Each structure stands twice: as structure tokens, then as C-alpha cells.
N, C-alpha and C. Protein backbone atom coordinates (compact mmCIF):
# COMPACT_ATOMS: atom_id res chain seq x y z
N MET A 1 -16.96 -22.08 6.89
CA MET A 1 -15.53 -22.01 6.64
C MET A 1 -15.09 -23.05 5.60
N TYR A 2 -15.63 -24.25 5.65
CA TYR A 2 -15.19 -25.30 4.76
C TYR A 2 -16.07 -25.49 3.53
N ASP A 3 -17.05 -24.60 3.30
CA ASP A 3 -18.01 -24.76 2.21
C ASP A 3 -17.52 -24.22 0.89
N ALA A 4 -16.27 -24.05 0.67
CA ALA A 4 -15.75 -23.53 -0.58
C ALA A 4 -15.78 -24.62 -1.65
N ASP A 5 -15.99 -24.24 -2.90
CA ASP A 5 -15.98 -25.18 -4.01
C ASP A 5 -14.59 -25.61 -4.42
N LEU A 6 -13.60 -24.79 -4.09
CA LEU A 6 -12.21 -25.07 -4.45
C LEU A 6 -11.31 -24.74 -3.29
N TRP A 7 -10.50 -25.73 -2.87
CA TRP A 7 -9.47 -25.46 -1.88
C TRP A 7 -8.16 -25.36 -2.65
N THR A 8 -7.41 -24.29 -2.40
CA THR A 8 -6.11 -24.12 -3.03
C THR A 8 -5.04 -24.27 -1.95
N MET A 9 -3.97 -24.93 -2.30
CA MET A 9 -2.88 -25.15 -1.35
C MET A 9 -1.55 -24.85 -2.02
N SER A 10 -0.72 -24.13 -1.30
CA SER A 10 0.63 -23.88 -1.74
C SER A 10 1.51 -23.90 -0.49
N PRO A 11 1.71 -25.12 0.05
CA PRO A 11 2.45 -25.24 1.30
C PRO A 11 3.91 -24.79 1.13
N PRO A 12 4.57 -24.44 2.21
CA PRO A 12 5.97 -24.02 2.14
C PRO A 12 6.81 -25.03 1.32
N CYS A 13 7.62 -24.50 0.42
CA CYS A 13 8.34 -25.39 -0.47
C CYS A 13 9.70 -25.81 0.08
N GLN A 14 10.22 -25.11 1.07
CA GLN A 14 11.57 -25.39 1.56
C GLN A 14 11.82 -26.84 1.95
N PRO A 15 10.83 -27.53 2.58
CA PRO A 15 11.11 -28.92 2.95
C PRO A 15 11.38 -29.85 1.76
N PHE A 16 11.01 -29.41 0.53
CA PHE A 16 11.11 -30.30 -0.62
C PHE A 16 12.19 -29.87 -1.60
N THR A 17 13.01 -28.90 -1.21
CA THR A 17 14.08 -28.41 -2.10
C THR A 17 15.42 -28.92 -1.63
N ARG A 18 16.40 -28.89 -2.55
CA ARG A 18 17.75 -29.27 -2.17
C ARG A 18 18.34 -28.31 -1.15
N MET A 19 18.03 -27.04 -1.30
CA MET A 19 18.55 -26.03 -0.35
C MET A 19 17.93 -26.20 1.02
N GLY A 20 16.72 -26.73 1.08
CA GLY A 20 16.07 -26.94 2.35
C GLY A 20 16.40 -28.29 2.96
N ASN A 21 17.45 -28.93 2.46
CA ASN A 21 17.94 -30.22 2.95
C ASN A 21 16.93 -31.34 2.79
N GLN A 22 15.90 -31.15 1.99
CA GLN A 22 14.92 -32.19 1.69
C GLN A 22 14.42 -32.91 2.91
N LYS A 23 14.06 -32.17 3.94
CA LYS A 23 13.55 -32.80 5.15
C LYS A 23 12.13 -33.33 4.94
N ARG A 24 11.47 -32.81 3.93
CA ARG A 24 10.14 -33.25 3.50
C ARG A 24 9.14 -33.18 4.64
N GLY A 25 8.33 -34.21 4.83
CA GLY A 25 7.28 -34.18 5.83
C GLY A 25 7.75 -34.07 7.26
N GLN A 26 9.02 -34.32 7.51
CA GLN A 26 9.55 -34.20 8.85
C GLN A 26 9.84 -32.74 9.24
N ASP A 27 9.84 -31.86 8.27
CA ASP A 27 10.13 -30.45 8.51
C ASP A 27 8.88 -29.78 9.14
N VAL A 28 9.10 -28.98 10.17
CA VAL A 28 7.99 -28.32 10.88
C VAL A 28 7.18 -27.42 9.94
N ARG A 29 7.83 -26.93 8.89
CA ARG A 29 7.13 -26.07 7.91
C ARG A 29 6.11 -26.85 7.08
N CYS A 30 6.14 -28.17 7.16
CA CYS A 30 5.17 -29.01 6.45
C CYS A 30 3.91 -29.27 7.27
N SER A 31 3.91 -28.85 8.52
CA SER A 31 2.80 -29.19 9.43
C SER A 31 1.47 -28.62 8.97
N SER A 32 1.44 -27.46 8.35
CA SER A 32 0.17 -26.89 7.89
C SER A 32 -0.46 -27.77 6.81
N LEU A 33 0.33 -28.31 5.91
CA LEU A 33 -0.17 -29.23 4.89
C LEU A 33 -0.75 -30.49 5.54
N LEU A 34 -0.07 -31.02 6.52
CA LEU A 34 -0.54 -32.23 7.19
C LEU A 34 -1.88 -31.99 7.89
N VAL A 35 -2.06 -30.79 8.45
CA VAL A 35 -3.35 -30.43 9.08
C VAL A 35 -4.46 -30.39 8.03
N VAL A 36 -4.19 -29.78 6.88
CA VAL A 36 -5.20 -29.68 5.83
C VAL A 36 -5.54 -31.08 5.31
N ILE A 37 -4.55 -31.96 5.19
CA ILE A 37 -4.84 -33.32 4.75
C ILE A 37 -5.79 -34.01 5.74
N GLN A 38 -5.57 -33.80 7.04
CA GLN A 38 -6.48 -34.38 8.04
C GLN A 38 -7.88 -33.79 7.92
N LEU A 39 -7.98 -32.50 7.63
CA LEU A 39 -9.30 -31.89 7.45
C LEU A 39 -10.06 -32.54 6.29
N ILE A 40 -9.36 -32.80 5.18
CA ILE A 40 -9.99 -33.44 4.05
C ILE A 40 -10.48 -34.82 4.44
N ARG A 41 -9.68 -35.56 5.17
CA ARG A 41 -10.03 -36.92 5.55
C ARG A 41 -11.17 -36.94 6.54
N ARG A 42 -11.22 -36.02 7.47
CA ARG A 42 -12.18 -36.12 8.59
C ARG A 42 -13.46 -35.29 8.41
N TYR A 43 -13.39 -34.25 7.62
CA TYR A 43 -14.53 -33.35 7.49
C TYR A 43 -15.63 -34.01 6.66
N GLY A 44 -16.87 -33.89 7.09
CA GLY A 44 -17.99 -34.55 6.42
C GLY A 44 -18.21 -34.15 4.98
N THR A 45 -18.23 -32.85 4.70
CA THR A 45 -18.45 -32.33 3.37
C THR A 45 -17.09 -32.05 2.73
N LYS A 46 -16.75 -32.81 1.72
CA LYS A 46 -15.46 -32.67 1.07
C LYS A 46 -15.50 -31.49 0.06
N PRO A 47 -14.38 -30.79 -0.12
CA PRO A 47 -14.36 -29.76 -1.14
C PRO A 47 -14.50 -30.42 -2.54
N PRO A 48 -15.31 -29.88 -3.41
CA PRO A 48 -15.48 -30.49 -4.73
C PRO A 48 -14.20 -30.51 -5.56
N ALA A 49 -13.33 -29.53 -5.36
CA ALA A 49 -12.09 -29.49 -6.14
C ALA A 49 -10.95 -28.99 -5.26
N ILE A 50 -9.74 -29.46 -5.60
CA ILE A 50 -8.53 -29.08 -4.85
C ILE A 50 -7.43 -28.79 -5.86
N LEU A 51 -6.70 -27.74 -5.60
CA LEU A 51 -5.53 -27.39 -6.42
C LEU A 51 -4.35 -27.23 -5.45
N LEU A 52 -3.27 -27.96 -5.70
CA LEU A 52 -2.05 -27.86 -4.92
C LEU A 52 -0.90 -27.52 -5.83
N GLU A 53 -0.07 -26.56 -5.41
CA GLU A 53 1.10 -26.14 -6.15
C GLU A 53 2.30 -26.23 -5.25
N ASN A 54 3.45 -26.67 -5.80
CA ASN A 54 4.67 -26.71 -5.03
C ASN A 54 5.84 -26.78 -6.00
N VAL A 55 7.03 -26.95 -5.47
CA VAL A 55 8.24 -27.05 -6.28
C VAL A 55 8.36 -28.43 -6.88
N LYS A 56 9.11 -28.49 -7.99
CA LYS A 56 9.50 -29.79 -8.51
C LYS A 56 10.33 -30.44 -7.40
N GLY A 57 10.04 -31.67 -7.10
CA GLY A 57 10.69 -32.34 -5.99
C GLY A 57 9.67 -32.68 -4.91
N PHE A 58 8.53 -31.98 -4.92
CA PHE A 58 7.45 -32.34 -3.99
C PHE A 58 6.95 -33.74 -4.32
N GLU A 59 6.83 -34.05 -5.62
CA GLU A 59 6.37 -35.36 -6.03
C GLU A 59 7.39 -36.38 -5.56
N GLY A 60 6.91 -37.48 -5.03
CA GLY A 60 7.77 -38.52 -4.48
C GLY A 60 8.10 -38.34 -3.01
N SER A 61 7.71 -37.23 -2.40
CA SER A 61 7.98 -37.02 -0.96
C SER A 61 6.94 -37.75 -0.13
N ASP A 62 7.22 -37.89 1.16
CA ASP A 62 6.28 -38.54 2.04
C ASP A 62 4.99 -37.73 2.15
N ALA A 63 5.06 -36.40 2.14
CA ALA A 63 3.87 -35.57 2.21
C ALA A 63 3.04 -35.75 0.93
N TRP A 64 3.69 -35.87 -0.21
CA TRP A 64 3.01 -36.14 -1.48
C TRP A 64 2.26 -37.50 -1.42
N ARG A 65 2.95 -38.51 -0.93
CA ARG A 65 2.30 -39.81 -0.80
C ARG A 65 1.10 -39.74 0.12
N HIS A 66 1.24 -39.02 1.21
CA HIS A 66 0.17 -38.89 2.18
C HIS A 66 -1.06 -38.21 1.57
N ILE A 67 -0.83 -37.13 0.83
CA ILE A 67 -1.98 -36.44 0.23
C ILE A 67 -2.62 -37.28 -0.86
N LEU A 68 -1.82 -38.00 -1.66
CA LEU A 68 -2.41 -38.87 -2.70
C LEU A 68 -3.25 -39.98 -2.05
N GLU A 69 -2.72 -40.63 -1.04
CA GLU A 69 -3.48 -41.68 -0.37
C GLU A 69 -4.78 -41.14 0.21
N THR A 70 -4.73 -39.97 0.80
CA THR A 70 -5.92 -39.36 1.38
C THR A 70 -6.94 -39.03 0.31
N LEU A 71 -6.49 -38.43 -0.80
CA LEU A 71 -7.43 -38.08 -1.86
C LEU A 71 -8.08 -39.30 -2.46
N PHE A 72 -7.32 -40.39 -2.64
CA PHE A 72 -7.90 -41.62 -3.15
C PHE A 72 -8.90 -42.19 -2.16
N GLU A 73 -8.56 -42.23 -0.90
CA GLU A 73 -9.48 -42.75 0.12
C GLU A 73 -10.78 -41.93 0.17
N CYS A 74 -10.68 -40.65 -0.11
CA CYS A 74 -11.83 -39.74 -0.07
C CYS A 74 -12.54 -39.62 -1.41
N ASP A 75 -12.17 -40.48 -2.38
CA ASP A 75 -12.87 -40.60 -3.65
C ASP A 75 -12.67 -39.41 -4.61
N TYR A 76 -11.44 -38.98 -4.76
CA TYR A 76 -11.10 -37.93 -5.71
C TYR A 76 -10.44 -38.50 -6.95
N ASP A 77 -10.70 -37.91 -8.10
CA ASP A 77 -9.91 -38.12 -9.31
C ASP A 77 -8.77 -37.13 -9.26
N ILE A 78 -7.60 -37.55 -9.69
CA ILE A 78 -6.40 -36.73 -9.53
C ILE A 78 -5.63 -36.63 -10.85
N ARG A 79 -5.16 -35.46 -11.17
CA ARG A 79 -4.21 -35.24 -12.26
C ARG A 79 -3.05 -34.44 -11.69
N GLN A 80 -1.83 -34.71 -12.22
CA GLN A 80 -0.64 -34.01 -11.74
C GLN A 80 0.15 -33.54 -12.95
N PHE A 81 0.80 -32.36 -12.79
CA PHE A 81 1.56 -31.79 -13.88
C PHE A 81 2.84 -31.16 -13.34
N LEU A 82 3.85 -31.16 -14.20
CA LEU A 82 5.05 -30.34 -14.00
C LEU A 82 5.00 -29.30 -15.10
N LEU A 83 4.87 -28.04 -14.74
CA LEU A 83 4.74 -26.96 -15.72
C LEU A 83 5.64 -25.81 -15.34
N THR A 84 6.04 -25.09 -16.34
CA THR A 84 6.81 -23.87 -16.09
C THR A 84 5.96 -22.64 -16.43
N PRO A 85 6.04 -21.58 -15.66
CA PRO A 85 5.26 -20.39 -15.98
C PRO A 85 5.54 -19.82 -17.36
N LEU A 86 6.70 -20.12 -17.93
CA LEU A 86 7.02 -19.64 -19.27
C LEU A 86 5.97 -20.08 -20.29
N GLN A 87 5.38 -21.25 -20.04
CA GLN A 87 4.39 -21.77 -20.96
C GLN A 87 3.11 -20.89 -20.99
N PHE A 88 2.96 -20.05 -19.99
CA PHE A 88 1.76 -19.20 -19.89
C PHE A 88 2.15 -17.73 -20.03
N GLY A 89 3.33 -17.47 -20.56
CA GLY A 89 3.75 -16.12 -20.81
C GLY A 89 4.29 -15.37 -19.61
N ILE A 90 4.61 -16.07 -18.53
CA ILE A 90 5.12 -15.45 -17.33
C ILE A 90 6.64 -15.66 -17.30
N PRO A 91 7.43 -14.61 -17.19
CA PRO A 91 8.89 -14.75 -17.29
C PRO A 91 9.52 -15.38 -16.02
N ASN A 92 9.29 -16.66 -15.88
CA ASN A 92 9.86 -17.43 -14.78
C ASN A 92 10.05 -18.86 -15.30
N GLY A 93 11.29 -19.34 -15.30
CA GLY A 93 11.59 -20.64 -15.88
C GLY A 93 11.58 -21.79 -14.88
N ARG A 94 11.16 -21.56 -13.65
CA ARG A 94 11.19 -22.66 -12.68
C ARG A 94 10.06 -23.64 -12.91
N LEU A 95 10.42 -24.89 -13.00
CA LEU A 95 9.43 -25.96 -13.15
C LEU A 95 8.70 -26.10 -11.82
N ARG A 96 7.37 -26.18 -11.89
CA ARG A 96 6.53 -26.29 -10.68
C ARG A 96 5.66 -27.54 -10.78
N TYR A 97 5.31 -28.09 -9.62
CA TYR A 97 4.42 -29.23 -9.50
C TYR A 97 3.00 -28.74 -9.24
N TYR A 98 2.02 -29.30 -9.96
CA TYR A 98 0.60 -28.96 -9.76
C TYR A 98 -0.19 -30.26 -9.61
N LEU A 99 -1.09 -30.28 -8.66
CA LEU A 99 -2.04 -31.35 -8.48
C LEU A 99 -3.45 -30.75 -8.57
N VAL A 100 -4.29 -31.35 -9.40
CA VAL A 100 -5.69 -30.96 -9.53
C VAL A 100 -6.50 -32.19 -9.14
N ALA A 101 -7.42 -32.04 -8.21
CA ALA A 101 -8.25 -33.17 -7.76
C ALA A 101 -9.72 -32.75 -7.82
N ARG A 102 -10.55 -33.70 -8.23
CA ARG A 102 -12.00 -33.45 -8.33
C ARG A 102 -12.73 -34.62 -7.66
N LEU A 103 -13.64 -34.26 -6.77
CA LEU A 103 -14.44 -35.25 -6.06
C LEU A 103 -15.28 -36.04 -7.06
N ARG A 104 -15.20 -37.37 -7.02
CA ARG A 104 -15.90 -38.18 -8.01
C ARG A 104 -17.41 -37.98 -7.99
N THR A 105 -17.97 -37.74 -6.83
CA THR A 105 -19.42 -37.58 -6.78
C THR A 105 -19.87 -36.33 -7.51
N ARG A 106 -18.96 -35.41 -7.77
CA ARG A 106 -19.27 -34.21 -8.55
C ARG A 106 -18.84 -34.32 -10.02
N SER A 107 -18.18 -35.45 -10.36
CA SER A 107 -17.64 -35.58 -11.70
C SER A 107 -18.71 -35.51 -12.79
N GLU A 108 -19.90 -36.01 -12.51
CA GLU A 108 -20.96 -36.01 -13.50
C GLU A 108 -21.36 -34.59 -13.87
N GLN A 109 -21.14 -33.67 -12.96
CA GLN A 109 -21.52 -32.26 -13.19
C GLN A 109 -20.54 -31.54 -14.12
N GLN A 110 -19.47 -32.20 -14.45
CA GLN A 110 -18.44 -31.63 -15.33
C GLN A 110 -18.02 -30.24 -14.91
N MET A 111 -17.54 -30.15 -13.67
CA MET A 111 -17.03 -28.87 -13.16
C MET A 111 -15.96 -28.32 -14.09
N PHE A 112 -15.12 -29.22 -14.61
CA PHE A 112 -14.08 -28.83 -15.56
C PHE A 112 -13.65 -30.11 -16.27
N SER A 113 -13.12 -29.95 -17.47
CA SER A 113 -12.62 -31.10 -18.23
C SER A 113 -11.46 -31.72 -17.46
N PHE A 114 -11.45 -33.05 -17.40
CA PHE A 114 -10.50 -33.68 -16.52
C PHE A 114 -9.69 -34.81 -17.14
N GLY A 115 -10.32 -35.69 -17.86
CA GLY A 115 -9.59 -36.85 -18.38
C GLY A 115 -9.47 -37.93 -17.35
N ASP A 116 -8.59 -38.89 -17.56
CA ASP A 116 -8.42 -40.03 -16.64
C ASP A 116 -7.60 -39.63 -15.43
N SER A 117 -7.99 -40.21 -14.29
CA SER A 117 -7.25 -40.02 -13.05
C SER A 117 -6.02 -40.94 -13.06
N ILE A 118 -5.13 -40.70 -12.13
CA ILE A 118 -3.94 -41.53 -11.99
C ILE A 118 -4.30 -42.85 -11.28
N ASP A 119 -3.43 -43.82 -11.41
CA ASP A 119 -3.54 -45.08 -10.71
C ASP A 119 -2.65 -44.98 -9.45
N LEU A 120 -3.25 -45.05 -8.28
CA LEU A 120 -2.51 -44.86 -7.04
C LEU A 120 -1.36 -45.84 -6.85
N ASN A 121 -1.62 -47.12 -7.03
CA ASN A 121 -0.57 -48.12 -6.79
C ASN A 121 0.63 -47.90 -7.72
N GLY A 122 0.36 -47.71 -8.99
CA GLY A 122 1.46 -47.46 -9.93
C GLY A 122 2.17 -46.16 -9.63
N CYS A 123 1.42 -45.18 -9.22
CA CYS A 123 1.98 -43.86 -8.91
C CYS A 123 2.92 -43.93 -7.71
N LEU A 124 2.53 -44.66 -6.66
CA LEU A 124 3.38 -44.74 -5.48
C LEU A 124 4.65 -45.59 -5.73
N ARG A 125 4.53 -46.58 -6.61
CA ARG A 125 5.71 -47.37 -6.95
C ARG A 125 6.69 -46.58 -7.78
N GLU A 126 6.18 -45.78 -8.70
CA GLU A 126 7.02 -45.01 -9.60
C GLU A 126 6.43 -43.59 -9.75
N PRO A 127 6.76 -42.69 -8.84
CA PRO A 127 6.14 -41.37 -8.80
C PRO A 127 6.14 -40.63 -10.12
N ALA A 128 7.23 -40.71 -10.86
CA ALA A 128 7.32 -39.97 -12.11
C ALA A 128 6.30 -40.46 -13.14
N SER A 129 5.82 -41.69 -13.00
CA SER A 129 4.92 -42.24 -13.99
C SER A 129 3.55 -41.58 -13.97
N ALA A 130 3.23 -40.89 -12.88
CA ALA A 130 1.89 -40.29 -12.77
C ALA A 130 1.87 -38.82 -13.07
N ILE A 131 2.99 -38.26 -13.45
CA ILE A 131 3.05 -36.83 -13.73
C ILE A 131 2.86 -36.63 -15.23
N MET A 132 1.86 -35.80 -15.58
CA MET A 132 1.65 -35.48 -16.98
C MET A 132 2.76 -34.52 -17.40
N ARG A 133 3.45 -34.86 -18.47
CA ARG A 133 4.61 -34.07 -18.88
C ARG A 133 4.29 -33.11 -20.02
N THR A 134 3.05 -33.05 -20.42
CA THR A 134 2.68 -32.09 -21.44
C THR A 134 1.67 -31.13 -20.86
N PRO A 135 1.62 -29.91 -21.37
CA PRO A 135 0.70 -28.94 -20.81
C PRO A 135 -0.75 -29.37 -20.98
N PRO A 136 -1.62 -29.05 -20.02
CA PRO A 136 -3.03 -29.38 -20.14
C PRO A 136 -3.71 -28.50 -21.16
N CYS A 137 -4.81 -28.99 -21.71
CA CYS A 137 -5.68 -28.19 -22.57
C CYS A 137 -4.96 -27.52 -23.72
N GLY A 138 -3.94 -28.17 -24.27
CA GLY A 138 -3.28 -27.67 -25.44
C GLY A 138 -2.49 -26.39 -25.24
N VAL A 139 -2.02 -26.12 -24.03
CA VAL A 139 -1.20 -24.94 -23.80
C VAL A 139 0.05 -25.08 -24.64
N PRO A 140 0.35 -24.10 -25.48
CA PRO A 140 1.50 -24.28 -26.38
C PRO A 140 2.83 -24.08 -25.65
N PRO A 141 3.88 -24.73 -26.18
CA PRO A 141 5.22 -24.44 -25.66
C PRO A 141 5.55 -22.97 -25.93
N THR A 142 6.35 -22.40 -25.09
CA THR A 142 6.75 -21.02 -25.25
C THR A 142 7.91 -20.93 -26.22
N PRO A 143 7.81 -20.05 -27.24
CA PRO A 143 8.96 -19.93 -28.17
C PRO A 143 10.22 -19.52 -27.42
N ASN A 144 11.33 -20.05 -27.81
CA ASN A 144 12.64 -19.74 -27.24
C ASN A 144 12.82 -20.23 -25.81
N CYS A 145 11.89 -21.02 -25.29
CA CYS A 145 12.03 -21.57 -23.95
C CYS A 145 12.88 -22.83 -24.03
N GLU A 146 13.81 -22.98 -23.14
CA GLU A 146 14.71 -24.11 -23.12
C GLU A 146 14.36 -25.14 -22.04
N CYS A 147 13.20 -25.00 -21.39
CA CYS A 147 12.84 -25.97 -20.34
C CYS A 147 12.54 -27.34 -20.97
N PRO A 148 12.60 -28.41 -20.19
CA PRO A 148 12.41 -29.75 -20.71
C PRO A 148 11.01 -29.96 -21.31
N VAL A 149 10.00 -29.25 -20.83
CA VAL A 149 8.65 -29.41 -21.36
C VAL A 149 8.58 -28.82 -22.75
N CYS A 150 9.02 -27.58 -22.90
CA CYS A 150 8.91 -26.87 -24.18
C CYS A 150 9.82 -27.45 -25.25
N THR A 151 10.92 -28.03 -24.89
CA THR A 151 11.84 -28.62 -25.86
C THR A 151 11.54 -30.10 -26.11
N ASN A 152 10.42 -30.58 -25.52
CA ASN A 152 10.00 -31.98 -25.67
C ASN A 152 11.06 -32.98 -25.26
N LYS A 153 11.88 -32.63 -24.27
CA LYS A 153 12.90 -33.52 -23.79
C LYS A 153 12.34 -34.51 -22.74
N ILE A 154 11.17 -34.21 -22.24
CA ILE A 154 10.49 -35.17 -21.37
C ILE A 154 9.21 -35.62 -22.06
N ARG A 155 8.92 -36.84 -21.92
CA ARG A 155 7.81 -37.43 -22.66
C ARG A 155 6.52 -37.38 -21.83
N GLN A 156 5.39 -37.46 -22.58
CA GLN A 156 4.12 -37.58 -21.88
C GLN A 156 4.09 -38.96 -21.25
N VAL A 157 3.58 -39.05 -20.05
CA VAL A 157 3.61 -40.31 -19.29
C VAL A 157 2.18 -40.85 -19.21
N PHE A 158 2.06 -42.15 -19.28
CA PHE A 158 0.77 -42.83 -19.22
C PHE A 158 0.10 -42.63 -17.89
N THR A 159 -1.20 -42.40 -17.91
CA THR A 159 -2.00 -42.43 -16.67
C THR A 159 -3.11 -43.43 -16.86
N ALA A 160 -3.28 -44.30 -15.89
CA ALA A 160 -4.27 -45.35 -15.99
C ALA A 160 -5.65 -44.75 -15.71
N PRO A 161 -6.72 -45.43 -16.21
CA PRO A 161 -8.08 -44.99 -15.89
C PRO A 161 -8.33 -45.05 -14.40
N SER A 162 -9.26 -44.23 -13.95
CA SER A 162 -9.60 -44.20 -12.53
C SER A 162 -10.18 -45.52 -12.10
N LYS A 163 -10.10 -45.74 -10.79
CA LYS A 163 -10.58 -47.03 -10.25
C LYS A 163 -12.08 -47.19 -10.34
């Protein structure tokens, strides 16, 4: 059951939205994510790669802090992005949060191009500092898109080398 090369997660977004009263990790709908975080921490064989997707606003939440701390403790390199589907030709302008994590012991195998991981301490002090604000792998801005990414209204943010 746990021998997959990639774990994908898209936990319920309502706890992290304004409409969901931003209950965050205290919301019962967040419990499935907390269980998966415990599986990562306790299970002997870690998944080589993890992809998590959620709404803008997930970053900075207590659940976000919990998963980052767990992934660092379990020796993962982490990258985070705020992207809009418009950048990929999908007619949806909602900005989404993405986390990509790769187990360091597998990094030498170059499962996928990754770059530098985030710095946990700096990230927890200033959550926005760890979010990459430009599309990965040269994904072009979408013509006629007015989102902050495509109009270059948000800047690329520094990420420190991995520990």
C-alpha cells in the first residue's frame, strides 16, 4: 500500500479559505492530512516524492507548518509554488499552492530536476519568503492573463540552499 514512488495530496481546502472561516488545522476536514503526515513520519519506507496541492492561503497555516517540519525531519528537499492554471492553458484563474518534495536519499538518482530546497527556519519565520513566485521549468506566462504571476506583479523569492 505504501510502496508508491509518488504520494499526491489534495486535502480539503475549506479550512484554509476565507469562506471556510480559516479554521485551518483545527477543522475536522483537515484530519485526513494530519493522518498522512503521521504516516510519513512513522512509516519505515518513505515515499521518494510527494506532491501537495491546495488553495492560496494554505501556506502559513498550522497544517502547512506541520507538514514542512515533518518533511524536513524526514530528510526531504522541498519546493513550493503559487501557480494559476491559466499558465498551463487551463481556463481557471484561481491561484493555487503546490508543494513538491523529494527524499534526499533519492536525490542522486535525479528523479526530476529540482534546484535548491527551502530553508525551514526562514520559511517558518516568513512563509511568503519560501514560495517560488515564477513558474517552474520556464512555463511561460499566459497571454492576456491578469493574475499576479503572469503580470510580474509578484517577484521571485529567494530560496536558501538545502541543509
